[in-house]
Amino acid sequence: MLDRKWIGTINDYVQSCDTSLVQIVVMGLSKSLNHTALNDLGHPLIIARRFHLI
């Protein structure tokens, strides 16, 4: 689980980028990253990286 410092850093970075064309995100299954992807990237298709599956 990411601590709040990293969550804020990731959110700040994503919000500073032009994300209007993002359609697919490949990422781990962290709830924090999932929340950021869904809220800040306009609900893209999320593909979970196999390495992170439990």
C-alpha atoms as a PDB file:
ATOM      1  CA  MET A   1       0.000   0.000   0.000  1.00  0.00           C
ATOM      2  CA  LEU A   2       1.305   3.424  -0.896  1.00  0.00           C
ATOM      3  CA  ASP A   3       1.620   5.964   1.852  1.00  0.00           C
ATOM      4  CA  ARG A   4      -0.205   9.288   1.607  1.00  0.00           C
ATOM      5  CA  LYS A   5       2.948  11.149   0.520  1.00  0.00           C
ATOM      6  CA  TRP A   6       3.280   9.045  -2.637  1.00  0.00           C
ATOM      7  CA  ILE A   7      -0.447   9.139  -3.369  1.00  0.00           C
ATOM      8  CA  GLY A   8      -0.340  12.937  -3.299  1.00  0.00           C
ATOM      9  CA  THR A   9       2.729  12.985  -5.551  1.00  0.00           C
ATOM     10  CA  ILE A  10       1.105  10.658  -8.081  1.00  0.00           C
ATOM     11  CA  ASN A  11      -2.152  12.635  -8.037  1.00  0.00           C
ATOM     12  CA  ASP A  12      -0.303  15.935  -8.507  1.00  0.00           C
ATOM     13  CA  TYR A  13       1.684  14.545 -11.439  1.00  0.00           C
ATOM     14  CA  VAL A  14      -1.339  13.019 -13.187  1.00  0.00           C
ATOM     15  CA  GLN A  15      -3.384  16.185 -12.738  1.00  0.00           C
ATOM     16  CA  SER A  16      -0.569  18.272 -14.260  1.00  0.00           C
ATOM     17  CA  CYS A  17      -0.605  16.216 -17.490  1.00  0.00           C
ATOM     18  CA  ASP A  18      -2.975  16.371 -20.441  1.00  0.00           C
ATOM     19  CA  THR A  19      -4.884  13.137 -19.877  1.00  0.00           C
ATOM     20  CA  SER A  20      -7.767  13.801 -22.255  1.00  0.00           C
ATOM     21  CA  LEU A  21      -6.674  11.073 -24.682  1.00  0.00           C
ATOM     22  CA  VAL A  22      -5.859   8.349 -22.149  1.00  0.00           C
ATOM     23  CA  GLN A  23      -7.811   5.207 -22.998  1.00  0.00           C
ATOM     24  CA  ILE A  24      -5.799   2.345 -21.475  1.00  0.00           C
ATOM     25  CA  VAL A  25      -3.694   2.180 -18.297  1.00  0.00           C
ATOM     26  CA  VAL A  26      -1.401  -0.749 -17.450  1.00  0.00           C
ATOM     27  CA  MET A  27      -0.734  -0.824 -13.715  1.00  0.00           C
ATOM     28  CA  GLY A  28      -0.570  -2.853 -10.550  1.00  0.00           C
ATOM     29  CA  LEU A  29      -3.645  -3.558  -8.468  1.00  0.00           C
ATOM     30  CA  SER A  30      -3.035  -0.981  -5.740  1.00  0.00           C
ATOM     31  CA  LYS A  31      -6.326   0.522  -4.549  1.00  0.00           C
ATOM     32  CA  SER A  32      -4.670   3.949  -4.429  1.00  0.00           C
ATOM     33  CA  LEU A  33      -3.471   3.763  -8.026  1.00  0.00           C
ATOM     34  CA  ASN A  34      -6.814   2.376  -9.150  1.00  0.00           C
ATOM     35  CA  HIS A  35      -8.609   5.297  -7.491  1.00  0.00           C
ATOM     36  CA  THR A  36      -6.281   7.788  -9.186  1.00  0.00           C
ATOM     37  CA  ALA A  37      -6.703   6.136 -12.583  1.00  0.00           C
ATOM     38  CA  LEU A  38     -10.481   6.088 -12.358  1.00  0.00           C
ATOM     39  CA  ASN A  39     -10.917   9.612 -11.006  1.00  0.00           C
ATOM     40  CA  ASP A  40      -8.134  11.581 -12.682  1.00  0.00           C
ATOM     41  CA  LEU A  41      -7.820   9.833 -16.042  1.00  0.00           C
ATOM     42  CA  GLY A  42     -11.463   9.755 -17.097  1.00  0.00           C
ATOM     43  CA  HIS A  43     -12.250   6.093 -16.438  1.00  0.00           C
ATOM     44  CA  PRO A  44      -9.823   4.364 -18.834  1.00  0.00           C
ATOM     45  CA  LEU A  45      -9.656   0.616 -19.433  1.00  0.00           C
ATOM     46  CA  ILE A  46      -7.370  -0.709 -16.679  1.00  0.00           C
ATOM     47  CA  ILE A  47      -5.142  -3.666 -17.450  1.00  0.00           C
ATOM     48  CA  ALA A  48      -3.536  -5.230 -14.374  1.00  0.00           C
ATOM     49  CA  ARG A  49       0.083  -6.229 -14.648  1.00  0.00           C
ATOM     50  CA  ARG A  50       0.473  -9.963 -14.120  1.00  0.00           C
ATOM     51  CA  PHE A  51       3.355  -9.473 -11.699  1.00  0.00           C
ATOM     52  CA  HIS A  52       1.011  -7.827  -9.216  1.00  0.00           C
ATOM     53  CA  LEU A  53      -1.714 -10.467  -9.200  1.00  0.00           C
ATOM     54  CA  ILE A  54      -1.983 -12.376  -5.945  1.00  0.00           C
END
